[in-house]
Amino acid sequence: MTSSSPAALKSCLDVLRRTDPRDAEANLAGLARLISDDDAADELYQRVDVPLRVAEDDEADGRKVSALDSVASTPEFSFPDPLKNDSTAPPPPVRPLICRQYLLCEHNRDGDSHRSPWSNAYHPPLDDGLRPPERLRSLELRANEVFDKYRELYYRKASSVSSVYLWETDDEGGTGTAEQPPGFAGCFLIRNQIDEGNYWNAIHVVDVGAASKGVCRYQLTTTILLSIAPSSPELKKTTVSGSLVRRNERERPVEDDGDHIVNVGKFVEDVEGEMRSEMEGLYVHRTKTVVELIRKEGPRETEGRAHTMALNEAVLAMAVSKKASLKDGADA
């Protein structure tokens, strides 16, 4: 694009708003290649949400998980007596590899690598990748555990994945103090993939301000990506997909960093519930109503045709009545 960066960025955003969210990733990559300014292309990637992808992390607590880990904890297993030469003794059971799933997004990407919230390691490995400081890393681990329970309660455990990522912000609060730590930002992600073509992605990006007089301001931007594809063979080319974005703010009291997890968790729960009801009661219901008006099963007449026939019958009845009145007058 030869136009200025702000104009090019605005044009790209307008195009993406009018395209299928399922193709957002491919369309985003194509539009980014058309922008000559690298900073504008990076901003485009940051401002556009695409369907979340899942990766697996085979590290736990910062160390590589080995097939030799933890065999003595198996209840039904006892190690053979080393003084006895028993070649028939069964080998110790091997615990399967521990792989924690995590979500890929722009907020945990550095170059071509993505950081796992469980081990804090980049995949593919990246030694100098950006990582949160100790305070945020501790809070990030706790938030992931809590949000994972939230996911299990609200979504199908087998089909959903959640991740939380925290990072520092360049706000005016500077480095803060022990009594008043600086603000930060984070994203809370949920991906619920029922099957191919049917998914729900919730992307919550929160900006946590520095606490002032025991009160903290939270700014939450939530994006819901939804795709529904009927399983009927006759409707295999029919899909309903779209996205919804909402921005909200609220203030809550805080005493320590643990209160941020409680406050953000309730905030996310409230907003997600409202948006779920809005999409179900407004957008999905409206689409269903429009489809039912356009297309009906069986040989039934449409409402428009029935209305036209009723008008024709009324006009004909008035004409007959008027003709009869004129005839009665002429006879008199």
C-alpha atoms as a PDB file:
ATOM      1  CA  MET A   1       0.000   0.000   0.000  1.00  0.00           C
ATOM      2  CA  THR A   2       1.322   3.410  -0.940  1.00  0.00           C
ATOM      3  CA  SER A   3      -0.976   5.429   1.323  1.00  0.00           C
ATOM      4  CA  SER A   4      -0.010   6.673   4.780  1.00  0.00           C
ATOM      5  CA  SER A   5       0.221   4.127   7.572  1.00  0.00           C
ATOM      6  CA  PRO A   6      -2.879   5.267   9.555  1.00  0.00           C
ATOM      7  CA  ALA A   7      -5.014   5.247   6.413  1.00  0.00           C
ATOM      8  CA  ALA A   8      -3.666   1.853   5.348  1.00  0.00           C
ATOM      9  CA  LEU A   9      -4.298   0.455   8.827  1.00  0.00           C
ATOM     10  CA  LYS A  10      -7.870   1.763   8.841  1.00  0.00           C
ATOM     11  CA  SER A  11      -8.523   0.272   5.403  1.00  0.00           C
ATOM     12  CA  CYS A  12      -7.229  -3.126   6.507  1.00  0.00           C
ATOM     13  CA  LEU A  13      -9.424  -3.076   9.610  1.00  0.00           C
ATOM     14  CA  ASP A  14     -12.471  -2.180   7.490  1.00  0.00           C
ATOM     15  CA  VAL A  15     -11.776  -5.106   5.172  1.00  0.00           C
ATOM     16  CA  LEU A  16     -11.359  -7.569   8.038  1.00  0.00           C
ATOM     17  CA  ARG A  17     -14.642  -6.474   9.631  1.00  0.00           C
ATOM     18  CA  ARG A  18     -16.448  -7.558   6.475  1.00  0.00           C
ATOM     19  CA  THR A  19     -14.824 -10.942   6.001  1.00  0.00           C
ATOM     20  CA  ASP A  20     -15.532 -14.352   7.460  1.00  0.00           C
ATOM     21  CA  PRO A  21     -13.894 -14.682  10.916  1.00  0.00           C
ATOM     22  CA  ARG A  22     -12.900 -18.243  10.027  1.00  0.00           C
ATOM     23  CA  ASP A  23     -10.575 -16.826   7.360  1.00  0.00           C
ATOM     24  CA  ALA A  24      -9.272 -14.015   9.569  1.00  0.00           C
ATOM     25  CA  GLU A  25      -5.780 -15.464   9.989  1.00  0.00           C
ATOM     26  CA  ALA A  26      -5.149 -15.885   6.247  1.00  0.00           C
ATOM     27  CA  ASN A  27      -6.704 -12.500   5.423  1.00  0.00           C
ATOM     28  CA  LEU A  28      -4.671 -10.816   8.157  1.00  0.00           C
ATOM     29  CA  ALA A  29      -1.404 -12.252   6.847  1.00  0.00           C
ATOM     30  CA  GLY A  30      -2.249 -11.169   3.314  1.00  0.00           C
ATOM     31  CA  LEU A  31      -3.148  -7.615   4.313  1.00  0.00           C
ATOM     32  CA  ALA A  32      -0.057  -7.286   6.515  1.00  0.00           C
ATOM     33  CA  ARG A  33       2.134  -8.072   3.507  1.00  0.00           C
ATOM     34  CA  LEU A  34       0.554  -5.142   1.652  1.00  0.00           C
ATOM     35  CA  ILE A  35       1.619  -2.636   4.333  1.00  0.00           C
ATOM     36  CA  SER A  36       5.117  -1.288   3.733  1.00  0.00           C
ATOM     37  CA  ASP A  37       5.479   0.104   7.268  1.00  0.00           C
ATOM     38  CA  ASP A  38       6.568  -2.655   9.677  1.00  0.00           C
ATOM     39  CA  ASP A  39       5.274  -0.755  12.722  1.00  0.00           C
ATOM     40  CA  ALA A  40       1.829  -0.435  11.137  1.00  0.00           C
ATOM     41  CA  ALA A  41       1.853  -4.142  10.268  1.00  0.00           C
ATOM     42  CA  ASP A  42       2.717  -5.014  13.885  1.00  0.00           C
ATOM     43  CA  GLU A  43      -0.098  -2.788  15.120  1.00  0.00           C
ATOM     44  CA  LEU A  44      -2.491  -4.529  12.726  1.00  0.00           C
ATOM     45  CA  TYR A  45      -1.537  -7.895  14.200  1.00  0.00           C
ATOM     46  CA  GLN A  46      -2.094  -6.545  17.722  1.00  0.00           C
ATOM     47  CA  ARG A  47      -5.512  -5.044  16.966  1.00  0.00           C
ATOM     48  CA  VAL A  48      -7.048  -7.998  15.131  1.00  0.00           C
ATOM     49  CA  ASP A  49      -8.151 -11.129  16.955  1.00  0.00           C
ATOM     50  CA  VAL A  50      -8.017 -14.412  15.042  1.00  0.00           C
ATOM     51  CA  PRO A  51      -9.283 -17.873  16.041  1.00  0.00           C
ATOM     52  CA  LEU A  52      -7.054 -19.292  18.767  1.00  0.00           C
ATOM     53  CA  ARG A  53      -4.726 -22.213  18.078  1.00  0.00           C
ATOM     54  CA  VAL A  54      -3.587 -24.864  20.563  1.00  0.00           C
ATOM     55  CA  ALA A  55      -0.053 -26.087  21.282  1.00  0.00           C
ATOM     56  CA  GLU A  56       1.345 -28.584  23.782  1.00  0.00           C
ATOM     57  CA  ASP A  57       4.028 -27.969  26.370  1.00  0.00           C
ATOM     58  CA  ASP A  58       5.969 -31.009  27.547  1.00  0.00           C
ATOM     59  CA  GLU A  59       7.602 -29.119  30.406  1.00  0.00           C
ATOM     60  CA  ALA A  60       6.383 -28.891  33.997  1.00  0.00           C
ATOM     61  CA  ASP A  61       7.574 -26.539  36.714  1.00  0.00           C
ATOM     62  CA  GLY A  62      10.331 -25.308  34.425  1.00  0.00           C
ATOM     63  CA  ARG A  63      11.918 -28.720  33.847  1.00  0.00           C
ATOM     64  CA  LYS A  64      11.681 -31.260  31.067  1.00  0.00           C
ATOM     65  CA  VAL A  65       9.243 -34.078  31.779  1.00  0.00           C
ATOM     66  CA  SER A  66      10.906 -37.454  31.367  1.00  0.00           C
ATOM     67  CA  ALA A  67       9.420 -40.920  30.981  1.00  0.00           C
ATOM     68  CA  LEU A  68      11.462 -41.884  34.060  1.00  0.00           C
ATOM     69  CA  ASP A  69       9.705 -39.385  36.306  1.00  0.00           C
ATOM     70  CA  SER A  70       7.574 -40.467  39.256  1.00  0.00           C
ATOM     71  CA  VAL A  71       7.227 -44.236  39.249  1.00  0.00           C
ATOM     72  CA  ALA A  72       7.349 -44.909  42.989  1.00  0.00           C
ATOM     73  CA  SER A  73       4.102 -43.030  43.566  1.00  0.00           C
ATOM     74  CA  THR A  74       2.046 -45.740  41.854  1.00  0.00           C
ATOM     75  CA  PRO A  75       0.033 -47.451  44.657  1.00  0.00           C
ATOM     76  CA  GLU A  76      -0.019 -50.948  43.229  1.00  0.00           C
ATOM     77  CA  PHE A  77       3.693 -51.009  42.485  1.00  0.00           C
ATOM     78  CA  SER A  78       6.523 -51.956  44.839  1.00  0.00           C
ATOM     79  CA  PHE A  79      10.175 -51.974  43.837  1.00  0.00           C
ATOM     80  CA  PRO A  80      11.744 -55.464  43.750  1.00  0.00           C
ATOM     81  CA  ASP A  81      14.169 -56.434  46.447  1.00  0.00           C
ATOM     82  CA  PRO A  82      17.683 -55.731  45.106  1.00  0.00           C
ATOM     83  CA  LEU A  83      19.074 -58.689  47.151  1.00  0.00           C
ATOM     84  CA  LYS A  84      16.919 -61.118  45.228  1.00  0.00           C
ATOM     85  CA  ASN A  85      17.777 -62.042  41.694  1.00  0.00           C
ATOM     86  CA  ASP A  86      14.271 -62.158  40.358  1.00  0.00           C
ATOM     87  CA  SER A  87      14.374 -61.777  36.597  1.00  0.00           C
ATOM     88  CA  THR A  88      10.640 -62.297  36.379  1.00  0.00           C
ATOM     89  CA  ALA A  89       9.853 -59.167  38.353  1.00  0.00           C
ATOM     90  CA  PRO A  90       7.840 -56.713  36.252  1.00  0.00           C
ATOM     91  CA  PRO A  91       9.572 -53.507  35.194  1.00  0.00           C
ATOM     92  CA  PRO A  92       8.489 -50.316  36.921  1.00  0.00           C
ATOM     93  CA  PRO A  93       5.538 -48.644  35.231  1.00  0.00           C
ATOM     94  CA  VAL A  94       6.303 -45.672  33.050  1.00  0.00           C
ATOM     95  CA  ARG A  95       4.223 -42.592  33.529  1.00  0.00           C
ATOM     96  CA  PRO A  96       3.121 -41.004  30.257  1.00  0.00           C
ATOM     97  CA  LEU A  97       4.573 -37.663  29.278  1.00  0.00           C
ATOM     98  CA  ILE A  98       2.892 -34.682  30.913  1.00  0.00           C
ATOM     99  CA  CYS A  99       1.803 -32.287  28.177  1.00  0.00           C
ATOM    100  CA  ARG A 100      -0.123 -29.187  29.171  1.00  0.00           C
ATOM    101  CA  GLN A 101      -2.039 -27.506  26.395  1.00  0.00           C
ATOM    102  CA  TYR A 102      -1.851 -23.755  25.955  1.00  0.00           C
ATOM    103  CA  LEU A 103      -3.196 -21.207  23.497  1.00  0.00           C
ATOM    104  CA  LEU A 104      -1.258 -19.244  20.894  1.00  0.00           C
ATOM    105  CA  CYS A 105      -1.970 -15.562  20.429  1.00  0.00           C
ATOM    106  CA  GLU A 106      -0.210 -12.308  19.689  1.00  0.00           C
ATOM    107  CA  HIS A 107       0.393 -11.620  23.379  1.00  0.00           C
ATOM    108  CA  ASN A 108       2.631 -14.640  23.992  1.00  0.00           C
ATOM    109  CA  ARG A 109       4.463 -14.465  20.672  1.00  0.00           C
ATOM    110  CA  ASP A 110       8.052 -13.319  20.195  1.00  0.00           C
ATOM    111  CA  GLY A 111       9.184 -13.696  16.607  1.00  0.00           C
ATOM    112  CA  ASP A 112       8.147 -17.162  15.467  1.00  0.00           C
ATOM    113  CA  SER A 113       8.059 -18.614  19.006  1.00  0.00           C
ATOM    114  CA  HIS A 114       5.275 -18.691  21.582  1.00  0.00           C
ATOM    115  CA  ARG A 115       5.673 -18.750  25.361  1.00  0.00           C
ATOM    116  CA  SER A 116       3.881 -21.362  27.444  1.00  0.00           C
ATOM    117  CA  PRO A 117       2.218 -20.047  30.627  1.00  0.00           C
ATOM    118  CA  TRP A 118       2.944 -23.325  32.422  1.00  0.00           C
ATOM    119  CA  SER A 119       6.724 -23.606  32.023  1.00  0.00           C
ATOM    120  CA  ASN A 120       7.543 -20.047  30.889  1.00  0.00           C
ATOM    121  CA  ALA A 121       9.509 -21.628  28.019  1.00  0.00           C
ATOM    122  CA  TYR A 122       9.341 -20.656  24.358  1.00  0.00           C
ATOM    123  CA  HIS A 123       8.501 -23.122  21.624  1.00  0.00           C
ATOM    124  CA  PRO A 124      10.547 -23.317  19.429  1.00  0.00           C
ATOM    125  CA  PRO A 125      13.232 -22.463  22.014  1.00  0.00           C
ATOM    126  CA  LEU A 126      14.135 -18.784  22.318  1.00  0.00           C
ATOM    127  CA  ASP A 127      16.711 -17.833  24.947  1.00  0.00           C
ATOM    128  CA  ASP A 128      16.202 -14.050  24.863  1.00  0.00           C
ATOM    129  CA  GLY A 129      12.414 -14.056  24.562  1.00  0.00           C
ATOM    130  CA  LEU A 130      10.329 -11.605  26.554  1.00  0.00           C
ATOM    131  CA  ARG A 131       9.191 -12.955  29.920  1.00  0.00           C
ATOM    132  CA  PRO A 132       7.251 -11.358  32.781  1.00  0.00           C
ATOM    133  CA  PRO A 133       9.139 -10.258  35.915  1.00  0.00           C
ATOM    134  CA  GLU A 134       9.035 -12.399  39.041  1.00  0.00           C
ATOM    135  CA  ARG A 135       6.014 -10.640  40.533  1.00  0.00           C
ATOM    136  CA  LEU A 136       3.880 -11.027  37.403  1.00  0.00           C
ATOM    137  CA  ARG A 137       5.138 -14.543  36.744  1.00  0.00           C
ATOM    138  CA  SER A 138       3.960 -15.678  40.175  1.00  0.00           C
ATOM    139  CA  LEU A 139       0.605 -13.999  39.606  1.00  0.00           C
ATOM    140  CA  GLU A 140       0.378 -15.524  36.112  1.00  0.00           C
ATOM    141  CA  LEU A 141       0.781 -19.066  37.435  1.00  0.00           C
ATOM    142  CA  ARG A 142      -1.953 -18.556  40.029  1.00  0.00           C
ATOM    143  CA  ALA A 143      -4.253 -16.972  37.454  1.00  0.00           C
ATOM    144  CA  ASN A 144      -3.802 -19.919  35.075  1.00  0.00           C
ATOM    145  CA  GLU A 145      -4.762 -22.411  37.765  1.00  0.00           C
ATOM    146  CA  VAL A 146      -7.860 -20.403  38.751  1.00  0.00           C
ATOM    147  CA  PHE A 147      -8.943 -19.745  35.171  1.00  0.00           C
ATOM    148  CA  ASP A 148      -8.494 -23.424  34.329  1.00  0.00           C
ATOM    149  CA  LYS A 149     -11.104 -24.245  37.000  1.00  0.00           C
ATOM    150  CA  TYR A 150     -13.386 -21.570  35.570  1.00  0.00           C
ATOM    151  CA  ARG A 151     -13.057 -23.207  32.145  1.00  0.00           C
ATOM    152  CA  GLU A 152     -13.962 -26.636  33.544  1.00  0.00           C
ATOM    153  CA  LEU A 153     -17.095 -25.251  35.203  1.00  0.00           C
ATOM    154  CA  TYR A 154     -18.449 -23.295  32.230  1.00  0.00           C
ATOM    155  CA  TYR A 155     -17.220 -25.321  29.259  1.00  0.00           C
ATOM    156  CA  ARG A 156     -16.779 -28.937  28.307  1.00  0.00           C
ATOM    157  CA  LYS A 157     -13.578 -30.084  29.938  1.00  0.00           C
ATOM    158  CA  ALA A 158     -12.485 -32.333  27.070  1.00  0.00           C
ATOM    159  CA  SER A 159     -13.036 -29.784  24.305  1.00  0.00           C
ATOM    160  CA  SER A 160     -11.797 -26.551  25.879  1.00  0.00           C
ATOM    161  CA  VAL A 161      -8.420 -24.973  26.648  1.00  0.00           C
ATOM    162  CA  SER A 162      -7.581 -21.811  28.599  1.00  0.00           C
ATOM    163  CA  SER A 163      -4.475 -19.668  29.044  1.00  0.00           C
ATOM    164  CA  VAL A 164      -3.540 -16.482  30.894  1.00  0.00           C
ATOM    165  CA  TYR A 165      -0.613 -14.208  29.992  1.00  0.00           C
ATOM    166  CA  LEU A 166       0.557 -11.144  31.925  1.00  0.00           C
ATOM    167  CA  TRP A 167       3.030  -8.418  30.942  1.00  0.00           C
ATOM    168  CA  GLU A 168       4.304  -5.046  32.074  1.00  0.00           C
ATOM    169  CA  THR A 169       2.845  -1.807  30.748  1.00  0.00           C
ATOM    170  CA  ASP A 170       4.550   1.494  30.009  1.00  0.00           C
ATOM    171  CA  ASP A 171       2.248   3.567  32.189  1.00  0.00           C
ATOM    172  CA  GLU A 172       3.030   6.664  34.170  1.00  0.00           C
ATOM    173  CA  GLY A 173       3.247   4.693  37.373  1.00  0.00           C
ATOM    174  CA  GLY A 174       6.882   3.863  36.742  1.00  0.00           C
ATOM    175  CA  THR A 175       8.342   1.069  38.812  1.00  0.00           C
ATOM    176  CA  GLY A 176       5.922   1.622  41.677  1.00  0.00           C
ATOM    177  CA  THR A 177       6.585   0.844  45.319  1.00  0.00           C
ATOM    178  CA  ALA A 178       6.072  -2.080  47.666  1.00  0.00           C
ATOM    179  CA  GLU A 179       2.971  -0.370  49.067  1.00  0.00           C
ATOM    180  CA  GLN A 180       1.691   0.594  45.604  1.00  0.00           C
ATOM    181  CA  PRO A 181       2.905  -1.808  42.868  1.00  0.00           C
ATOM    182  CA  PRO A 182       2.705  -0.620  39.266  1.00  0.00           C
ATOM    183  CA  GLY A 183      -0.107  -1.594  36.942  1.00  0.00           C
ATOM    184  CA  PHE A 184       0.109  -4.315  34.344  1.00  0.00           C
ATOM    185  CA  ALA A 185      -1.865  -5.884  31.505  1.00  0.00           C
ATOM    186  CA  GLY A 186      -2.929  -9.396  30.639  1.00  0.00           C
ATOM    187  CA  CYS A 187      -5.109 -11.559  28.454  1.00  0.00           C
ATOM    188  CA  PHE A 188      -7.453 -14.345  29.543  1.00  0.00           C
ATOM    189  CA  LEU A 189      -8.180 -16.791  26.728  1.00  0.00           C
ATOM    190  CA  ILE A 190     -10.658 -19.638  26.277  1.00  0.00           C
ATOM    191  CA  ARG A 191     -11.062 -21.873  23.244  1.00  0.00           C
ATOM    192  CA  ASN A 192     -13.933 -24.346  23.106  1.00  0.00           C
ATOM    193  CA  GLN A 193     -13.697 -26.477  19.960  1.00  0.00           C
ATOM    194  CA  ILE A 194     -16.657 -28.859  19.736  1.00  0.00           C
ATOM    195  CA  ASP A 195     -15.661 -30.234  16.331  1.00  0.00           C
ATOM    196  CA  GLU A 196     -14.525 -28.995  12.941  1.00  0.00           C
ATOM    197  CA  GLY A 197     -16.348 -25.758  12.157  1.00  0.00           C
ATOM    198  CA  ASN A 198     -17.988 -25.371  15.594  1.00  0.00           C
ATOM    199  CA  TYR A 199     -16.052 -23.293  18.096  1.00  0.00           C
ATOM    200  CA  TRP A 200     -16.287 -20.530  20.678  1.00  0.00           C
ATOM    201  CA  ASN A 201     -13.265 -18.283  21.315  1.00  0.00           C
ATOM    202  CA  ALA A 202     -13.272 -15.761  24.153  1.00  0.00           C
ATOM    203  CA  ILE A 203     -10.398 -13.259  24.246  1.00  0.00           C
ATOM    204  CA  HIS A 204     -10.325 -10.957  27.285  1.00  0.00           C
ATOM    205  CA  VAL A 205      -7.602  -8.281  27.350  1.00  0.00           C
ATOM    206  CA  VAL A 206      -7.452  -6.382  30.625  1.00  0.00           C
ATOM    207  CA  ASP A 207      -5.499  -3.273  31.582  1.00  0.00           C
ATOM    208  CA  VAL A 208      -4.942  -3.110  35.341  1.00  0.00           C
ATOM    209  CA  GLY A 209      -4.089   0.342  36.622  1.00  0.00           C
ATOM    210  CA  ALA A 210      -1.931   1.110  39.636  1.00  0.00           C
ATOM    211  CA  ALA A 211      -3.902   1.057  42.880  1.00  0.00           C
ATOM    212  CA  SER A 212      -4.691   4.428  44.396  1.00  0.00           C
ATOM    213  CA  LYS A 213      -6.040   4.671  47.955  1.00  0.00           C
ATOM    214  CA  GLY A 214      -6.852   0.967  47.896  1.00  0.00           C
ATOM    215  CA  VAL A 215      -8.867   1.146  44.672  1.00  0.00           C
ATOM    216  CA  CYS A 216      -7.839  -0.152  41.244  1.00  0.00           C
ATOM    217  CA  ARG A 217      -9.360   0.573  37.820  1.00  0.00           C
ATOM    218  CA  TYR A 218      -9.800  -2.302  35.364  1.00  0.00           C
ATOM    219  CA  GLN A 219     -10.360  -1.783  31.638  1.00  0.00           C
ATOM    220  CA  LEU A 220     -11.547  -4.933  29.869  1.00  0.00           C
ATOM    221  CA  THR A 221     -11.847  -5.494  26.115  1.00  0.00           C
ATOM    222  CA  THR A 222     -13.606  -8.736  25.234  1.00  0.00           C
ATOM    223  CA  THR A 223     -13.830 -10.332  21.803  1.00  0.00           C
ATOM    224  CA  ILE A 224     -16.040 -13.341  21.127  1.00  0.00           C
ATOM    225  CA  LEU A 225     -15.452 -15.364  17.951  1.00  0.00           C
ATOM    226  CA  LEU A 226     -18.245 -17.810  17.146  1.00  0.00           C
ATOM    227  CA  SER A 227     -18.698 -20.346  14.353  1.00  0.00           C
ATOM    228  CA  ILE A 228     -21.621 -22.757  13.951  1.00  0.00           C
ATOM    229  CA  ALA A 229     -21.778 -25.322  11.160  1.00  0.00           C
ATOM    230  CA  PRO A 230     -24.862 -27.609  11.010  1.00  0.00           C
ATOM    231  CA  SER A 231     -24.075 -31.324  10.969  1.00  0.00           C
ATOM    232  CA  SER A 232     -26.841 -32.155   8.488  1.00  0.00           C
ATOM    233  CA  PRO A 233     -25.461 -33.387   5.113  1.00  0.00           C
ATOM    234  CA  GLU A 234     -28.045 -31.277   3.286  1.00  0.00           C
ATOM    235  CA  LEU A 235     -26.741 -28.137   5.023  1.00  0.00           C
ATOM    236  CA  LYS A 236     -23.024 -28.847   4.845  1.00  0.00           C
ATOM    237  CA  LYS A 237     -22.336 -25.526   3.091  1.00  0.00           C
ATOM    238  CA  THR A 238     -24.274 -23.494   5.649  1.00  0.00           C
ATOM    239  CA  THR A 239     -22.346 -21.745   8.432  1.00  0.00           C
ATOM    240  CA  VAL A 240     -23.109 -19.027  10.930  1.00  0.00           C
ATOM    241  CA  SER A 241     -20.023 -17.163  12.104  1.00  0.00           C
ATOM    242  CA  GLY A 242     -19.235 -13.756  13.500  1.00  0.00           C
ATOM    243  CA  SER A 243     -17.500 -11.732  16.179  1.00  0.00           C
ATOM    244  CA  LEU A 244     -18.581  -9.385  18.938  1.00  0.00           C
ATOM    245  CA  VAL A 245     -16.423  -6.842  20.780  1.00  0.00           C
ATOM    246  CA  ARG A 246     -17.299  -5.046  24.000  1.00  0.00           C
ATOM    247  CA  ARG A 247     -15.298  -2.664  26.224  1.00  0.00           C
ATOM    248  CA  ASN A 248     -16.061  -2.182  29.901  1.00  0.00           C
ATOM    249  CA  GLU A 249     -14.519  -0.506  32.937  1.00  0.00           C
ATOM    250  CA  ARG A 250     -14.957  -0.917  36.648  1.00  0.00           C
ATOM    251  CA  GLU A 251     -13.184  -0.054  39.883  1.00  0.00           C
ATOM    252  CA  ARG A 252     -12.631  -2.492  42.719  1.00  0.00           C
ATOM    253  CA  PRO A 253     -10.812  -2.403  46.095  1.00  0.00           C
ATOM    254  CA  VAL A 254      -7.466  -4.202  46.319  1.00  0.00           C
ATOM    255  CA  GLU A 255      -5.154  -5.019  49.192  1.00  0.00           C
ATOM    256  CA  ASP A 256      -2.623  -7.278  47.474  1.00  0.00           C
ATOM    257  CA  ASP A 257      -1.946  -8.908  44.098  1.00  0.00           C
ATOM    258  CA  GLY A 258      -4.235 -11.828  44.904  1.00  0.00           C
ATOM    259  CA  ASP A 259      -7.215  -9.474  44.786  1.00  0.00           C
ATOM    260  CA  HIS A 260      -6.495  -8.799  41.104  1.00  0.00           C
ATOM    261  CA  ILE A 261      -7.268 -12.436  40.257  1.00  0.00           C
ATOM    262  CA  VAL A 262     -10.596 -12.240  42.101  1.00  0.00           C
ATOM    263  CA  ASN A 263     -11.561  -8.891  40.583  1.00  0.00           C
ATOM    264  CA  VAL A 264     -10.604  -9.773  37.021  1.00  0.00           C
ATOM    265  CA  GLY A 265     -12.193 -13.214  37.325  1.00  0.00           C
ATOM    266  CA  LYS A 266     -15.558 -11.766  38.365  1.00  0.00           C
ATOM    267  CA  PHE A 267     -15.261  -9.095  35.677  1.00  0.00           C
ATOM    268  CA  VAL A 268     -14.612 -11.685  32.961  1.00  0.00           C
ATOM    269  CA  GLU A 269     -17.437 -13.910  34.236  1.00  0.00           C
ATOM    270  CA  ASP A 270     -19.974 -11.059  34.224  1.00  0.00           C
ATOM    271  CA  VAL A 271     -19.025  -9.705  30.794  1.00  0.00           C
ATOM    272  CA  GLU A 272     -18.842 -13.125  29.174  1.00  0.00           C
ATOM    273  CA  GLY A 273     -22.265 -14.045  30.524  1.00  0.00           C
ATOM    274  CA  GLU A 274     -23.776 -10.809  29.206  1.00  0.00           C
ATOM    275  CA  MET A 275     -22.217 -11.268  25.771  1.00  0.00           C
ATOM    276  CA  ARG A 276     -23.302 -14.904  25.605  1.00  0.00           C
ATOM    277  CA  SER A 277     -26.888 -13.893  26.330  1.00  0.00           C
ATOM    278  CA  GLU A 278     -26.653 -11.035  23.837  1.00  0.00           C
ATOM    279  CA  MET A 279     -25.398 -13.286  21.055  1.00  0.00           C
ATOM    280  CA  GLU A 280     -27.981 -15.969  21.776  1.00  0.00           C
ATOM    281  CA  GLY A 281     -30.968 -13.695  22.308  1.00  0.00           C
ATOM    282  CA  LEU A 282     -30.225 -11.037  19.721  1.00  0.00           C
ATOM    283  CA  TYR A 283     -27.941 -12.158  16.914  1.00  0.00           C
ATOM    284  CA  VAL A 284     -28.698 -15.881  16.744  1.00  0.00           C
ATOM    285  CA  HIS A 285     -32.425 -15.320  17.259  1.00  0.00           C
ATOM    286  CA  ARG A 286     -32.472 -12.547  14.644  1.00  0.00           C
ATOM    287  CA  THR A 287     -30.684 -14.757  12.113  1.00  0.00           C
ATOM    288  CA  LYS A 288     -33.154 -17.557  12.782  1.00  0.00           C
ATOM    289  CA  THR A 289     -36.107 -15.195  12.294  1.00  0.00           C
ATOM    290  CA  VAL A 290     -34.753 -13.865   9.008  1.00  0.00           C
ATOM    291  CA  VAL A 291     -34.095 -17.360   7.671  1.00  0.00           C
ATOM    292  CA  GLU A 292     -37.611 -18.491   8.642  1.00  0.00           C
ATOM    293  CA  LEU A 293     -39.146 -15.494   6.837  1.00  0.00           C
ATOM    294  CA  ILE A 294     -37.108 -16.097   3.707  1.00  0.00           C
ATOM    295  CA  ARG A 295     -37.479 -19.848   3.500  1.00  0.00           C
ATOM    296  CA  LYS A 296     -40.231 -22.139   4.768  1.00  0.00           C
ATOM    297  CA  GLU A 297     -40.523 -25.884   4.517  1.00  0.00           C
ATOM    298  CA  GLY A 298     -43.416 -27.387   2.488  1.00  0.00           C
ATOM    299  CA  PRO A 299     -45.838 -25.798   0.027  1.00  0.00           C
ATOM    300  CA  ARG A 300     -47.137 -23.188   2.490  1.00  0.00           C
ATOM    301  CA  GLU A 301     -47.656 -19.688   1.205  1.00  0.00           C
ATOM    302  CA  THR A 302     -45.352 -16.959   2.387  1.00  0.00           C
ATOM    303  CA  GLU A 303     -46.692 -14.255   4.676  1.00  0.00           C
ATOM    304  CA  GLY A 304     -46.255 -11.643   1.952  1.00  0.00           C
ATOM    305  CA  ARG A 305     -48.347 -13.577  -0.555  1.00  0.00           C
ATOM    306  CA  ALA A 306     -51.068 -14.275   1.998  1.00  0.00           C
ATOM    307  CA  HIS A 307     -51.190 -10.568   2.857  1.00  0.00           C
ATOM    308  CA  THR A 308     -51.522  -9.645  -0.838  1.00  0.00           C
ATOM    309  CA  MET A 309     -54.349 -12.119  -1.332  1.00  0.00           C
ATOM    310  CA  ALA A 310     -56.194 -10.709   1.684  1.00  0.00           C
ATOM    311  CA  LEU A 311     -55.914  -7.192   0.261  1.00  0.00           C
ATOM    312  CA  ASN A 312     -57.184  -8.334  -3.142  1.00  0.00           C
ATOM    313  CA  GLU A 313     -60.179 -10.017  -1.532  1.00  0.00           C
ATOM    314  CA  ALA A 314     -60.973  -6.871   0.470  1.00  0.00           C
ATOM    315  CA  VAL A 315     -60.777  -4.638  -2.633  1.00  0.00           C
ATOM    316  CA  LEU A 316     -62.958  -7.053  -4.599  1.00  0.00           C
ATOM    317  CA  ALA A 317     -65.537  -7.122  -1.801  1.00  0.00           C
ATOM    318  CA  MET A 318     -65.652  -3.306  -1.728  1.00  0.00           C
ATOM    319  CA  ALA A 319     -66.125  -3.191  -5.521  1.00  0.00           C
ATOM    320  CA  VAL A 320     -68.954  -5.701  -5.376  1.00  0.00           C
ATOM    321  CA  SER A 321     -70.613  -3.780  -2.542  1.00  0.00           C
ATOM    322  CA  LYS A 322     -70.318  -0.482  -4.393  1.00  0.00           C
ATOM    323  CA  LYS A 323     -71.720  -2.014  -7.592  1.00  0.00           C
ATOM    324  CA  ALA A 324     -74.673  -3.435  -5.688  1.00  0.00           C
ATOM    325  CA  SER A 325     -75.393  -0.022  -4.105  1.00  0.00           C
ATOM    326  CA  LEU A 326     -75.372   1.692  -7.517  1.00  0.00           C
ATOM    327  CA  LYS A 327     -77.731  -0.930  -8.923  1.00  0.00           C
ATOM    328  CA  ASP A 328     -80.163  -0.524  -6.035  1.00  0.00           C
ATOM    329  CA  GLY A 329     -80.167   3.272  -6.588  1.00  0.00           C
ATOM    330  CA  ALA A 330     -80.863   2.904 -10.267  1.00  0.00           C
ATOM    331  CA  ASP A 331     -83.782   0.528  -9.637  1.00  0.00           C
ATOM    332  CA  ALA A 332     -85.313   2.984  -7.191  1.00  0.00           C
END
